[in-house]
Amino acid sequence: MEGSVCVNRGSDSLVTIASNTDLDGGERIRHGQVDLGCYESDYDGISLPQIDNIVYVTPTGAGLRDGSSWENALGDIQAADTVARMYGANVWVAEGVYYGDTTTANAYIMMEGVNVYGGLVGNETADFDLSLRNFAAHPTILDGMGVRRVLYQPNAFQQETVWDGFTIRNGYTASYSYGGGAYLLALSHLRNCTFTGNQSGYYGGGAYARNSTLSNCVISHN
């Protein structure tokens, strides 16, 4: 789609004679560099924002909405994850309530190597000491609205990936599904999180954690 961060972000070295068309049979490289994904866009790439080591998120977004600062914050944690992964950055999320994609079974899908931090006021400088956050005064809430799982790790990671400083609430999975609040596999690490009001149709109403780590977390009323 036009404006997608996936345009012109792939690796040309992976395109071979046997795979020089996309899934629709169209030309694989159209604008100088292959796109990410199985389809090649008709559009040129966008000018990416200047990101240092942090992508910023607020509940409604702000300014240019490119994640480059609090003044130009993204309004979507999942989009911030995608940008952060391209830049090797972390994600900082301001206090407020976030619902994620309301059309899918999982509100948020973890991306390997992208560390995400909540409990922030939304005015901290880039050199702010994250240990000074006040989670009670500035809660960052991920809400499943009682109809979807909140946080989902799709596969075992090879690199530790941290989500730190969130209230994970109102998650839900149907019968024989694990982890209403969170479904975690190898090398994910949730810190300073509260799980409450979540429900699973099988095991782990608050969280299902396999070969993963929860530290300094509160799990209650699930």
N, C-alpha and C. Protein backbone atom coordinates (compact mmCIF):
# COMPACT_ATOMS: atom_id res chain seq x y z
N MET A 1 0.84 -1.19 0.00
CA MET A 1 0.00 0.00 0.00
C MET A 1 0.87 1.24 0.00
N GLU A 2 0.32 2.35 -0.42
CA GLU A 2 1.05 3.60 -0.46
C GLU A 2 1.42 4.03 0.94
N GLY A 3 2.69 4.43 1.13
CA GLY A 3 3.15 4.86 2.44
C GLY A 3 3.58 3.74 3.36
N SER A 4 3.53 2.49 2.90
CA SER A 4 3.90 1.37 3.76
C SER A 4 5.39 1.39 4.05
N VAL A 5 5.76 1.06 5.30
CA VAL A 5 7.17 0.99 5.65
C VAL A 5 7.84 -0.26 5.08
N CYS A 6 7.07 -1.16 4.46
CA CYS A 6 7.62 -2.37 3.87
C CYS A 6 8.17 -2.14 2.47
N VAL A 7 7.81 -1.01 1.85
CA VAL A 7 8.22 -0.75 0.47
C VAL A 7 9.73 -0.47 0.43
N ASN A 8 10.42 -1.20 -0.47
CA ASN A 8 11.86 -1.02 -0.68
C ASN A 8 12.67 -1.31 0.58
N ARG A 9 12.20 -2.25 1.42
CA ARG A 9 12.92 -2.54 2.66
C ARG A 9 13.42 -3.99 2.71
N GLY A 10 13.30 -4.74 1.61
CA GLY A 10 13.75 -6.12 1.59
C GLY A 10 15.21 -6.25 1.18
N SER A 11 15.67 -7.50 1.04
CA SER A 11 17.05 -7.77 0.65
C SER A 11 17.08 -8.33 -0.76
N ASP A 12 17.68 -7.59 -1.70
CA ASP A 12 17.76 -8.02 -3.09
C ASP A 12 18.52 -9.34 -3.24
N SER A 13 19.41 -9.62 -2.29
CA SER A 13 20.22 -10.84 -2.40
C SER A 13 19.38 -12.11 -2.27
N LEU A 14 18.17 -11.97 -1.75
CA LEU A 14 17.29 -13.13 -1.58
C LEU A 14 16.44 -13.40 -2.81
N VAL A 15 16.48 -12.51 -3.79
CA VAL A 15 15.70 -12.68 -5.02
C VAL A 15 16.54 -13.45 -6.03
N THR A 16 16.08 -14.63 -6.42
CA THR A 16 16.80 -15.48 -7.37
C THR A 16 16.00 -15.59 -8.66
N ILE A 17 16.59 -16.21 -9.64
CA ILE A 17 15.89 -16.42 -10.91
C ILE A 17 14.60 -17.20 -10.68
N ALA A 18 14.65 -18.13 -9.72
CA ALA A 18 13.47 -18.96 -9.45
C ALA A 18 12.38 -18.20 -8.70
N SER A 19 12.72 -17.06 -8.11
CA SER A 19 11.74 -16.31 -7.31
C SER A 19 11.68 -14.85 -7.72
N ASN A 20 11.80 -14.59 -9.04
CA ASN A 20 11.86 -13.20 -9.50
C ASN A 20 10.49 -12.60 -9.78
N THR A 21 9.43 -13.26 -9.32
CA THR A 21 8.08 -12.69 -9.38
C THR A 21 7.45 -12.78 -8.00
N ASP A 22 6.47 -11.91 -7.74
CA ASP A 22 5.80 -11.98 -6.45
C ASP A 22 4.67 -13.01 -6.49
N LEU A 23 3.88 -13.08 -5.42
CA LEU A 23 2.87 -14.12 -5.34
C LEU A 23 1.79 -13.98 -6.40
N ASP A 24 1.59 -12.76 -6.91
CA ASP A 24 0.62 -12.53 -7.98
C ASP A 24 1.23 -12.73 -9.37
N GLY A 25 2.52 -13.08 -9.42
CA GLY A 25 3.20 -13.26 -10.70
C GLY A 25 3.73 -11.97 -11.29
N GLY A 26 3.67 -10.88 -10.52
CA GLY A 26 4.18 -9.59 -11.00
C GLY A 26 5.67 -9.47 -10.80
N GLU A 27 6.24 -8.42 -11.39
CA GLU A 27 7.68 -8.18 -11.28
C GLU A 27 8.09 -8.04 -9.83
N ARG A 28 9.15 -8.75 -9.42
CA ARG A 28 9.55 -8.79 -8.02
C ARG A 28 10.19 -7.49 -7.55
N ILE A 29 11.02 -6.87 -8.36
CA ILE A 29 11.67 -5.61 -7.97
C ILE A 29 11.18 -4.52 -8.92
N ARG A 30 10.43 -3.57 -8.41
CA ARG A 30 9.82 -2.56 -9.29
C ARG A 30 10.40 -1.17 -9.11
N HIS A 31 10.94 -0.86 -7.94
CA HIS A 31 11.39 0.50 -7.68
C HIS A 31 12.81 0.54 -7.11
N GLY A 32 13.66 -0.32 -7.66
CA GLY A 32 15.07 -0.26 -7.29
C GLY A 32 15.47 -1.19 -6.16
N GLN A 33 14.52 -1.60 -5.30
CA GLN A 33 14.83 -2.51 -4.21
C GLN A 33 13.59 -3.34 -3.90
N VAL A 34 13.79 -4.61 -3.57
CA VAL A 34 12.66 -5.50 -3.31
C VAL A 34 11.92 -5.07 -2.04
N ASP A 35 10.60 -5.28 -2.03
CA ASP A 35 9.79 -4.97 -0.86
C ASP A 35 9.81 -6.14 0.12
N LEU A 36 9.49 -5.87 1.38
CA LEU A 36 9.25 -6.93 2.34
C LEU A 36 7.90 -7.58 2.05
N GLY A 37 7.81 -8.89 2.28
CA GLY A 37 6.54 -9.57 2.07
C GLY A 37 6.47 -10.28 0.74
N CYS A 38 5.34 -10.92 0.48
CA CYS A 38 5.21 -11.76 -0.71
C CYS A 38 4.64 -11.01 -1.91
N TYR A 39 4.26 -9.74 -1.72
CA TYR A 39 3.73 -8.94 -2.82
C TYR A 39 4.62 -7.71 -3.03
N GLU A 40 4.81 -7.34 -4.29
CA GLU A 40 5.59 -6.14 -4.62
C GLU A 40 4.63 -4.98 -4.83
N SER A 41 4.89 -3.88 -4.12
CA SER A 41 4.00 -2.72 -4.19
C SER A 41 4.15 -1.96 -5.51
N ASP A 42 3.07 -1.31 -5.92
CA ASP A 42 3.11 -0.43 -7.09
C ASP A 42 3.66 0.94 -6.75
N TYR A 43 3.88 1.18 -5.47
CA TYR A 43 4.27 2.52 -5.02
C TYR A 43 5.76 2.60 -4.74
N ASP A 44 6.28 3.82 -4.74
CA ASP A 44 7.65 4.07 -4.32
C ASP A 44 7.70 4.03 -2.80
N GLY A 45 8.91 3.87 -2.26
CA GLY A 45 9.07 3.88 -0.81
C GLY A 45 8.86 5.27 -0.25
N ILE A 46 8.59 5.30 1.07
CA ILE A 46 8.38 6.58 1.73
C ILE A 46 9.69 7.06 2.35
N SER A 47 9.74 8.34 2.67
CA SER A 47 10.88 8.88 3.40
C SER A 47 10.72 8.51 4.87
N LEU A 48 11.63 7.69 5.38
CA LEU A 48 11.49 7.22 6.74
C LEU A 48 11.93 8.29 7.73
N PRO A 49 11.34 8.30 8.92
CA PRO A 49 11.68 9.32 9.91
C PRO A 49 13.09 9.11 10.46
N GLN A 50 13.63 10.14 11.07
CA GLN A 50 14.92 10.04 11.72
C GLN A 50 14.70 9.47 13.12
N ILE A 51 15.03 8.20 13.30
CA ILE A 51 14.86 7.54 14.57
C ILE A 51 16.23 7.27 15.16
N ASP A 52 16.42 7.61 16.44
CA ASP A 52 17.67 7.29 17.10
C ASP A 52 17.55 5.89 17.70
N ASN A 53 17.28 5.78 18.97
CA ASN A 53 17.15 4.44 19.55
C ASN A 53 15.80 4.24 20.24
N ILE A 54 14.85 5.16 20.02
CA ILE A 54 13.54 5.07 20.67
C ILE A 54 12.45 5.43 19.67
N VAL A 55 11.38 4.63 19.67
CA VAL A 55 10.16 4.96 18.94
C VAL A 55 9.09 5.27 19.99
N TYR A 56 8.42 6.41 19.86
CA TYR A 56 7.51 6.90 20.89
C TYR A 56 6.05 6.64 20.51
N VAL A 57 5.24 6.30 21.53
CA VAL A 57 3.82 6.01 21.31
C VAL A 57 2.98 6.70 22.38
N THR A 58 1.89 7.31 21.96
CA THR A 58 0.87 7.84 22.87
C THR A 58 -0.49 7.31 22.42
N PRO A 59 -1.51 7.37 23.27
CA PRO A 59 -2.80 6.78 22.90
C PRO A 59 -3.41 7.31 21.61
N THR A 60 -3.21 8.58 21.31
CA THR A 60 -3.81 9.16 20.12
C THR A 60 -2.80 9.57 19.05
N GLY A 61 -1.51 9.39 19.35
CA GLY A 61 -0.51 9.88 18.41
C GLY A 61 -0.41 11.39 18.46
N ALA A 62 0.57 11.95 17.75
CA ALA A 62 0.76 13.41 17.77
C ALA A 62 1.59 13.84 16.57
N GLY A 63 1.40 15.10 16.19
CA GLY A 63 2.23 15.72 15.16
C GLY A 63 2.29 14.93 13.87
N LEU A 64 3.50 14.58 13.43
CA LEU A 64 3.71 13.84 12.19
C LEU A 64 3.36 12.36 12.31
N ARG A 65 3.18 11.88 13.54
CA ARG A 65 2.85 10.48 13.79
C ARG A 65 3.85 9.52 13.13
N ASP A 66 5.12 9.82 13.29
CA ASP A 66 6.15 8.93 12.74
C ASP A 66 6.96 8.24 13.84
N GLY A 67 6.68 8.56 15.12
CA GLY A 67 7.35 7.90 16.23
C GLY A 67 8.71 8.45 16.58
N SER A 68 9.11 9.54 15.97
CA SER A 68 10.46 10.07 16.17
C SER A 68 10.63 10.85 17.47
N SER A 69 9.54 11.23 18.12
CA SER A 69 9.59 11.99 19.37
C SER A 69 8.21 11.93 20.01
N TRP A 70 8.11 12.40 21.25
CA TRP A 70 6.78 12.49 21.87
C TRP A 70 5.89 13.44 21.09
N GLU A 71 6.47 14.50 20.56
CA GLU A 71 5.69 15.48 19.80
C GLU A 71 5.20 14.93 18.47
N ASN A 72 5.85 13.86 17.98
CA ASN A 72 5.47 13.22 16.72
C ASN A 72 5.21 11.72 16.93
N ALA A 73 4.57 11.40 18.04
CA ALA A 73 4.39 10.02 18.44
C ALA A 73 3.44 9.26 17.53
N LEU A 74 3.70 7.96 17.41
CA LEU A 74 2.73 7.06 16.79
C LEU A 74 1.58 6.81 17.77
N GLY A 75 0.44 6.41 17.25
CA GLY A 75 -0.69 6.08 18.10
C GLY A 75 -0.96 4.60 18.16
N ASP A 76 -0.05 3.78 17.68
CA ASP A 76 -0.26 2.33 17.55
C ASP A 76 1.01 1.60 17.97
N ILE A 77 0.92 0.79 19.03
CA ILE A 77 2.10 0.07 19.52
C ILE A 77 2.61 -0.92 18.49
N GLN A 78 1.71 -1.60 17.79
CA GLN A 78 2.15 -2.60 16.81
C GLN A 78 2.92 -1.94 15.66
N ALA A 79 2.45 -0.78 15.21
CA ALA A 79 3.18 -0.05 14.17
C ALA A 79 4.54 0.41 14.69
N ALA A 80 4.59 0.81 15.95
CA ALA A 80 5.86 1.23 16.55
C ALA A 80 6.83 0.06 16.60
N ASP A 81 6.33 -1.15 16.91
CA ASP A 81 7.17 -2.34 16.90
C ASP A 81 7.82 -2.54 15.53
N THR A 82 7.03 -2.38 14.48
CA THR A 82 7.54 -2.57 13.12
C THR A 82 8.65 -1.57 12.81
N VAL A 83 8.43 -0.31 13.15
CA VAL A 83 9.43 0.73 12.91
C VAL A 83 10.68 0.45 13.75
N ALA A 84 10.47 0.11 15.01
CA ALA A 84 11.61 -0.13 15.91
C ALA A 84 12.46 -1.30 15.42
N ARG A 85 11.83 -2.31 14.87
CA ARG A 85 12.60 -3.46 14.40
C ARG A 85 13.49 -3.08 13.22
N MET A 86 13.02 -2.20 12.36
CA MET A 86 13.83 -1.76 11.23
C MET A 86 15.05 -0.97 11.69
N TYR A 87 14.89 -0.20 12.78
CA TYR A 87 15.96 0.67 13.25
C TYR A 87 16.80 0.06 14.36
N GLY A 88 16.39 -1.11 14.90
CA GLY A 88 17.07 -1.66 16.06
C GLY A 88 16.84 -0.82 17.29
N ALA A 89 15.63 -0.26 17.40
CA ALA A 89 15.30 0.67 18.49
C ALA A 89 14.40 0.01 19.52
N ASN A 90 14.19 0.71 20.64
CA ASN A 90 13.21 0.32 21.64
C ASN A 90 11.93 1.12 21.43
N VAL A 91 10.85 0.69 22.08
CA VAL A 91 9.58 1.41 22.02
C VAL A 91 9.24 1.92 23.41
N TRP A 92 8.91 3.22 23.52
CA TRP A 92 8.44 3.82 24.77
C TRP A 92 6.97 4.18 24.60
N VAL A 93 6.15 3.74 25.56
CA VAL A 93 4.70 3.91 25.46
C VAL A 93 4.21 4.74 26.64
N ALA A 94 3.52 5.83 26.34
CA ALA A 94 3.01 6.72 27.39
C ALA A 94 1.81 6.10 28.09
N GLU A 95 1.52 6.60 29.27
CA GLU A 95 0.35 6.15 30.04
C GLU A 95 -0.93 6.31 29.22
N GLY A 96 -1.93 5.47 29.53
CA GLY A 96 -3.19 5.50 28.82
C GLY A 96 -3.66 4.09 28.54
N VAL A 97 -4.78 3.96 27.85
CA VAL A 97 -5.36 2.67 27.53
C VAL A 97 -5.20 2.39 26.04
N TYR A 98 -4.72 1.20 25.70
CA TYR A 98 -4.47 0.79 24.33
C TYR A 98 -5.22 -0.51 24.06
N TYR A 99 -5.87 -0.58 22.90
CA TYR A 99 -6.71 -1.73 22.58
C TYR A 99 -6.14 -2.59 21.45
N GLY A 100 -5.17 -2.12 20.72
CA GLY A 100 -4.59 -2.89 19.64
C GLY A 100 -5.58 -3.11 18.50
N ASP A 101 -5.31 -4.14 17.71
CA ASP A 101 -6.16 -4.45 16.56
C ASP A 101 -7.42 -5.16 17.07
N THR A 102 -8.55 -4.50 16.94
CA THR A 102 -9.80 -5.04 17.47
C THR A 102 -10.45 -6.05 16.53
N THR A 103 -9.80 -6.37 15.42
CA THR A 103 -10.38 -7.31 14.45
C THR A 103 -9.71 -8.68 14.49
N THR A 104 -8.69 -8.85 15.32
CA THR A 104 -7.92 -10.08 15.34
C THR A 104 -8.01 -10.79 16.69
N ALA A 105 -7.51 -12.02 16.75
CA ALA A 105 -7.57 -12.81 17.98
C ALA A 105 -6.57 -12.35 19.02
N ASN A 106 -5.54 -11.61 18.59
CA ASN A 106 -4.50 -11.11 19.50
C ASN A 106 -4.34 -9.60 19.32
N ALA A 107 -4.46 -8.88 20.42
CA ALA A 107 -4.34 -7.42 20.31
C ALA A 107 -2.93 -7.01 19.88
N TYR A 108 -1.90 -7.69 20.44
CA TYR A 108 -0.52 -7.33 20.12
C TYR A 108 0.31 -8.59 19.89
N ILE A 109 1.13 -8.56 18.85
CA ILE A 109 2.04 -9.66 18.54
C ILE A 109 3.46 -9.19 18.81
N MET A 110 4.17 -9.92 19.67
CA MET A 110 5.54 -9.54 20.01
C MET A 110 6.46 -9.73 18.82
N MET A 111 7.43 -8.83 18.68
CA MET A 111 8.43 -8.93 17.63
C MET A 111 9.79 -9.16 18.28
N GLU A 112 10.48 -10.20 17.83
CA GLU A 112 11.74 -10.57 18.44
C GLU A 112 12.75 -9.43 18.41
N GLY A 113 13.35 -9.18 19.56
CA GLY A 113 14.40 -8.16 19.66
C GLY A 113 13.91 -6.75 19.88
N VAL A 114 12.60 -6.53 19.88
CA VAL A 114 12.05 -5.19 20.11
C VAL A 114 11.59 -5.10 21.56
N ASN A 115 12.26 -4.32 22.37
CA ASN A 115 11.91 -4.14 23.78
C ASN A 115 10.94 -2.98 23.92
N VAL A 116 9.86 -3.20 24.67
CA VAL A 116 8.76 -2.23 24.75
C VAL A 116 8.55 -1.85 26.21
N TYR A 117 8.53 -0.54 26.49
CA TYR A 117 8.46 -0.04 27.86
C TYR A 117 7.24 0.86 28.05
N GLY A 118 6.44 0.56 29.07
CA GLY A 118 5.30 1.38 29.43
C GLY A 118 5.54 2.13 30.73
N GLY A 119 4.47 2.72 31.28
CA GLY A 119 4.58 3.44 32.54
C GLY A 119 5.24 4.79 32.43
N LEU A 120 5.21 5.39 31.26
CA LEU A 120 5.87 6.68 31.02
C LEU A 120 4.85 7.80 30.97
N VAL A 121 5.26 8.97 31.40
CA VAL A 121 4.37 10.14 31.40
C VAL A 121 4.08 10.59 29.97
N GLY A 122 5.11 10.60 29.15
CA GLY A 122 4.97 11.08 27.78
C GLY A 122 5.73 12.37 27.53
N ASN A 123 6.66 12.70 28.43
CA ASN A 123 7.49 13.89 28.24
C ASN A 123 8.96 13.62 28.58
N GLU A 124 9.30 12.35 28.81
CA GLU A 124 10.66 12.01 29.22
C GLU A 124 11.66 12.26 28.08
N THR A 125 12.86 12.67 28.47
CA THR A 125 13.93 12.83 27.49
C THR A 125 14.54 11.46 27.18
N ALA A 126 15.28 11.39 26.09
CA ALA A 126 15.83 10.11 25.63
C ALA A 126 16.81 9.50 26.62
N ASP A 127 17.39 10.31 27.52
CA ASP A 127 18.34 9.80 28.51
C ASP A 127 17.66 9.50 29.85
N PHE A 128 16.33 9.47 29.86
CA PHE A 128 15.58 9.20 31.10
C PHE A 128 15.92 7.81 31.63
N ASP A 129 16.08 7.73 32.95
CA ASP A 129 16.36 6.47 33.62
C ASP A 129 15.05 5.72 33.83
N LEU A 130 14.86 4.62 33.10
CA LEU A 130 13.60 3.89 33.15
C LEU A 130 13.29 3.32 34.53
N SER A 131 14.28 3.19 35.38
CA SER A 131 14.04 2.68 36.73
C SER A 131 13.26 3.67 37.58
N LEU A 132 13.12 4.90 37.12
CA LEU A 132 12.42 5.94 37.88
C LEU A 132 10.93 6.00 37.54
N ARG A 133 10.45 5.13 36.67
CA ARG A 133 9.03 5.15 36.31
C ARG A 133 8.13 4.88 37.53
N ASN A 134 6.97 5.52 37.55
CA ASN A 134 5.97 5.29 38.59
C ASN A 134 4.76 4.62 37.93
N PHE A 135 4.69 3.29 37.99
CA PHE A 135 3.66 2.56 37.28
C PHE A 135 2.26 2.82 37.84
N ALA A 136 2.18 3.04 39.15
CA ALA A 136 0.87 3.29 39.77
C ALA A 136 0.31 4.65 39.35
N ALA A 137 1.17 5.64 39.26
CA ALA A 137 0.73 6.98 38.90
C ALA A 137 0.51 7.14 37.40
N HIS A 138 1.22 6.34 36.60
CA HIS A 138 1.15 6.48 35.14
C HIS A 138 0.98 5.11 34.48
N PRO A 139 -0.14 4.44 34.72
CA PRO A 139 -0.33 3.09 34.17
C PRO A 139 -0.49 3.10 32.65
N THR A 140 0.17 2.16 32.01
CA THR A 140 -0.01 1.92 30.58
C THR A 140 -0.76 0.60 30.45
N ILE A 141 -2.00 0.67 29.97
CA ILE A 141 -2.92 -0.46 30.03
C ILE A 141 -3.15 -1.03 28.63
N LEU A 142 -2.95 -2.34 28.50
CA LEU A 142 -3.26 -3.06 27.27
C LEU A 142 -4.53 -3.85 27.54
N ASP A 143 -5.59 -3.55 26.81
CA ASP A 143 -6.92 -4.06 27.12
C ASP A 143 -7.45 -4.95 26.00
N GLY A 144 -7.81 -6.19 26.35
CA GLY A 144 -8.35 -7.12 25.36
C GLY A 144 -9.85 -7.01 25.17
N MET A 145 -10.49 -6.13 25.95
CA MET A 145 -11.93 -5.86 25.81
C MET A 145 -12.80 -7.10 26.03
N GLY A 146 -12.22 -8.13 26.65
CA GLY A 146 -12.97 -9.34 26.93
C GLY A 146 -13.26 -10.21 25.72
N VAL A 147 -12.61 -9.92 24.60
CA VAL A 147 -12.90 -10.68 23.37
C VAL A 147 -11.65 -11.19 22.66
N ARG A 148 -10.44 -10.83 23.11
CA ARG A 148 -9.22 -11.28 22.43
C ARG A 148 -8.08 -11.37 23.44
N ARG A 149 -7.11 -12.23 23.08
CA ARG A 149 -5.88 -12.29 23.87
C ARG A 149 -5.15 -10.96 23.73
N VAL A 150 -4.45 -10.56 24.78
CA VAL A 150 -3.77 -9.26 24.74
C VAL A 150 -2.41 -9.35 24.06
N LEU A 151 -1.54 -10.24 24.53
CA LEU A 151 -0.16 -10.27 24.05
C LEU A 151 0.18 -11.68 23.59
N TYR A 152 0.75 -11.80 22.39
CA TYR A 152 0.99 -13.11 21.79
C TYR A 152 2.40 -13.18 21.21
N GLN A 153 3.13 -14.24 21.58
CA GLN A 153 4.44 -14.53 21.00
C GLN A 153 4.27 -15.65 19.99
N PRO A 154 4.44 -15.40 18.70
CA PRO A 154 4.10 -16.39 17.68
C PRO A 154 5.05 -17.57 17.60
N ASN A 155 6.29 -17.42 18.08
CA ASN A 155 7.26 -18.51 18.00
C ASN A 155 8.36 -18.27 19.03
N ALA A 156 9.12 -19.31 19.32
CA ALA A 156 10.24 -19.18 20.25
C ALA A 156 11.27 -18.21 19.69
N PHE A 157 11.77 -17.32 20.54
CA PHE A 157 12.76 -16.34 20.11
C PHE A 157 14.18 -16.88 20.33
N GLN A 158 15.11 -16.33 19.58
CA GLN A 158 16.53 -16.62 19.75
C GLN A 158 17.22 -15.50 20.53
N GLN A 159 16.50 -14.41 20.75
CA GLN A 159 17.05 -13.23 21.43
C GLN A 159 16.03 -12.77 22.47
N GLU A 160 16.49 -12.50 23.68
CA GLU A 160 15.56 -12.05 24.73
C GLU A 160 14.83 -10.78 24.30
N THR A 161 13.53 -10.79 24.52
CA THR A 161 12.68 -9.66 24.13
C THR A 161 11.84 -9.27 25.33
N VAL A 162 11.90 -8.01 25.72
CA VAL A 162 11.31 -7.53 26.96
C VAL A 162 10.10 -6.65 26.71
N TRP A 163 9.02 -6.91 27.44
CA TRP A 163 7.91 -5.96 27.60
C TRP A 163 7.86 -5.62 29.08
N ASP A 164 7.91 -4.34 29.40
CA ASP A 164 8.16 -3.91 30.77
C ASP A 164 7.26 -2.72 31.11
N GLY A 165 6.45 -2.89 32.18
CA GLY A 165 5.69 -1.76 32.70
C GLY A 165 4.28 -1.63 32.18
N PHE A 166 3.55 -2.75 32.05
CA PHE A 166 2.20 -2.71 31.50
C PHE A 166 1.20 -3.37 32.44
N THR A 167 -0.04 -2.90 32.38
CA THR A 167 -1.17 -3.61 32.94
C THR A 167 -1.87 -4.32 31.80
N ILE A 168 -1.96 -5.64 31.89
CA ILE A 168 -2.55 -6.46 30.84
C ILE A 168 -3.88 -6.97 31.36
N ARG A 169 -4.96 -6.48 30.79
CA ARG A 169 -6.28 -6.76 31.37
C ARG A 169 -7.31 -7.15 30.30
N ASN A 170 -8.35 -7.83 30.79
CA ASN A 170 -9.53 -8.16 29.96
C ASN A 170 -9.18 -8.98 28.72
N GLY A 171 -8.13 -9.79 28.82
CA GLY A 171 -7.81 -10.70 27.72
C GLY A 171 -8.73 -11.91 27.74
N TYR A 172 -8.89 -12.53 26.58
CA TYR A 172 -9.80 -13.68 26.49
C TYR A 172 -9.35 -14.63 25.39
N THR A 173 -9.38 -15.92 25.70
CA THR A 173 -9.22 -16.94 24.68
C THR A 173 -10.33 -17.98 24.84
N ALA A 174 -10.72 -18.58 23.75
CA ALA A 174 -11.82 -19.55 23.75
C ALA A 174 -11.34 -20.92 24.24
N SER A 175 -12.22 -21.90 24.18
CA SER A 175 -11.92 -23.25 24.68
C SER A 175 -10.65 -23.82 24.05
N TYR A 176 -9.84 -24.48 24.90
CA TYR A 176 -8.62 -25.16 24.50
C TYR A 176 -7.56 -24.21 23.94
N SER A 177 -7.64 -22.94 24.34
CA SER A 177 -6.59 -21.98 23.99
C SER A 177 -5.91 -21.51 25.28
N TYR A 178 -4.61 -21.30 25.22
CA TYR A 178 -3.83 -20.93 26.40
C TYR A 178 -3.66 -19.41 26.48
N GLY A 179 -3.51 -18.93 27.72
CA GLY A 179 -3.04 -17.57 27.94
C GLY A 179 -3.99 -16.47 27.53
N GLY A 180 -4.94 -16.12 28.40
CA GLY A 180 -5.86 -15.04 28.05
C GLY A 180 -5.18 -13.68 28.02
N GLY A 181 -4.30 -13.44 29.02
CA GLY A 181 -3.58 -12.17 29.04
C GLY A 181 -2.37 -12.18 28.14
N ALA A 182 -1.60 -13.27 28.20
CA ALA A 182 -0.39 -13.36 27.38
C ALA A 182 -0.05 -14.81 27.10
N TYR A 183 0.44 -15.07 25.91
CA TYR A 183 0.93 -16.38 25.50
C TYR A 183 2.40 -16.20 25.16
N LEU A 184 3.28 -16.84 25.96
CA LEU A 184 4.71 -16.58 25.87
C LEU A 184 5.49 -17.86 25.65
N LEU A 185 6.52 -17.77 24.80
CA LEU A 185 7.40 -18.90 24.53
C LEU A 185 8.83 -18.50 24.87
N ALA A 186 9.80 -19.21 24.34
CA ALA A 186 11.19 -19.05 24.74
C ALA A 186 11.72 -17.63 24.54
N LEU A 187 12.43 -17.17 25.57
CA LEU A 187 13.21 -15.93 25.58
C LEU A 187 12.37 -14.66 25.50
N SER A 188 11.11 -14.74 25.89
CA SER A 188 10.39 -13.50 26.16
C SER A 188 10.49 -13.22 27.65
N HIS A 189 10.49 -11.95 28.02
CA HIS A 189 10.66 -11.55 29.41
C HIS A 189 9.70 -10.41 29.71
N LEU A 190 8.72 -10.65 30.56
CA LEU A 190 7.79 -9.61 30.99
C LEU A 190 8.18 -9.15 32.39
N ARG A 191 8.39 -7.85 32.55
CA ARG A 191 8.80 -7.28 33.83
C ARG A 191 7.82 -6.20 34.25
N ASN A 192 7.65 -6.06 35.56
CA ASN A 192 6.85 -4.96 36.13
C ASN A 192 5.47 -4.89 35.50
N CYS A 193 4.85 -6.04 35.28
CA CYS A 193 3.54 -6.09 34.65
C CYS A 193 2.48 -6.59 35.63
N THR A 194 1.25 -6.15 35.44
CA THR A 194 0.11 -6.61 36.21
C THR A 194 -0.87 -7.29 35.28
N PHE A 195 -1.29 -8.51 35.63
CA PHE A 195 -2.27 -9.26 34.85
C PHE A 195 -3.56 -9.33 35.66
N THR A 196 -4.66 -8.82 35.12
CA THR A 196 -5.90 -8.82 35.87
C THR A 196 -7.10 -8.89 34.93
N GLY A 197 -8.12 -9.60 35.35
CA GLY A 197 -9.36 -9.66 34.58
C GLY A 197 -9.26 -10.44 33.28
N ASN A 198 -8.26 -11.33 33.18
CA ASN A 198 -8.07 -12.11 31.95
C ASN A 198 -8.70 -13.49 32.10
N GLN A 199 -9.05 -14.11 30.97
CA GLN A 199 -9.72 -15.41 31.00
C GLN A 199 -9.24 -16.28 29.84
N SER A 200 -8.96 -17.54 30.17
CA SER A 200 -8.55 -18.51 29.16
C SER A 200 -9.51 -19.68 29.14
N GLY A 201 -9.74 -20.24 27.95
CA GLY A 201 -10.59 -21.41 27.83
C GLY A 201 -9.90 -22.69 28.25
N TYR A 202 -8.60 -22.61 28.59
CA TYR A 202 -7.86 -23.81 28.98
C TYR A 202 -6.91 -23.46 30.12
N TYR A 203 -5.61 -23.32 29.88
CA TYR A 203 -4.66 -23.00 30.93
C TYR A 203 -4.20 -21.53 30.82
N GLY A 204 -3.80 -21.01 31.98
CA GLY A 204 -3.16 -19.69 31.99
C GLY A 204 -4.10 -18.54 31.73
N GLY A 205 -5.10 -18.35 32.61
CA GLY A 205 -6.00 -17.22 32.44
C GLY A 205 -5.25 -15.90 32.37
N GLY A 206 -4.32 -15.70 33.31
CA GLY A 206 -3.50 -14.49 33.28
C GLY A 206 -2.42 -14.57 32.22
N ALA A 207 -1.62 -15.64 32.29
CA ALA A 207 -0.53 -15.79 31.32
C ALA A 207 -0.15 -17.26 31.20
N TYR A 208 0.19 -17.66 29.99
CA TYR A 208 0.79 -18.95 29.72
C TYR A 208 2.24 -18.67 29.31
N ALA A 209 3.19 -19.17 30.12
CA ALA A 209 4.59 -18.84 29.90
C ALA A 209 5.41 -20.12 29.83
N ARG A 210 6.00 -20.40 28.69
CA ARG A 210 6.81 -21.59 28.49
C ARG A 210 8.23 -21.19 28.09
N ASN A 211 9.20 -21.58 28.92
CA ASN A 211 10.61 -21.22 28.68
C ASN A 211 10.80 -19.71 28.56
N SER A 212 9.96 -18.97 29.29
CA SER A 212 10.02 -17.51 29.29
C SER A 212 10.09 -17.03 30.73
N THR A 213 10.20 -15.72 30.93
CA THR A 213 10.42 -15.18 32.28
C THR A 213 9.41 -14.09 32.60
N LEU A 214 8.83 -14.18 33.80
CA LEU A 214 8.04 -13.09 34.38
C LEU A 214 8.73 -12.65 35.65
N SER A 215 9.03 -11.38 35.76
CA SER A 215 9.71 -10.90 36.97
C SER A 215 9.05 -9.62 37.48
N ASN A 216 8.90 -9.55 38.79
CA ASN A 216 8.27 -8.41 39.47
C ASN A 216 6.87 -8.14 38.89
N CYS A 217 6.14 -9.21 38.64
CA CYS A 217 4.79 -9.10 38.07
C CYS A 217 3.73 -9.47 39.11
N VAL A 218 2.55 -8.91 38.98
CA VAL A 218 1.41 -9.24 39.82
C VAL A 218 0.37 -9.94 38.94
N ILE A 219 -0.05 -11.16 39.35
CA ILE A 219 -1.04 -11.91 38.60
C ILE A 219 -2.21 -12.19 39.54
N SER A 220 -3.33 -11.51 39.35
CA SER A 220 -4.45 -11.65 40.29
C SER A 220 -5.77 -11.41 39.59
N HIS A 221 -6.83 -12.05 40.15
CA HIS A 221 -8.20 -11.86 39.67
C HIS A 221 -8.35 -12.18 38.19
N ASN A 222 -7.70 -13.28 37.78
CA ASN A 222 -7.86 -13.77 36.43
C ASN A 222 -8.74 -15.02 36.46
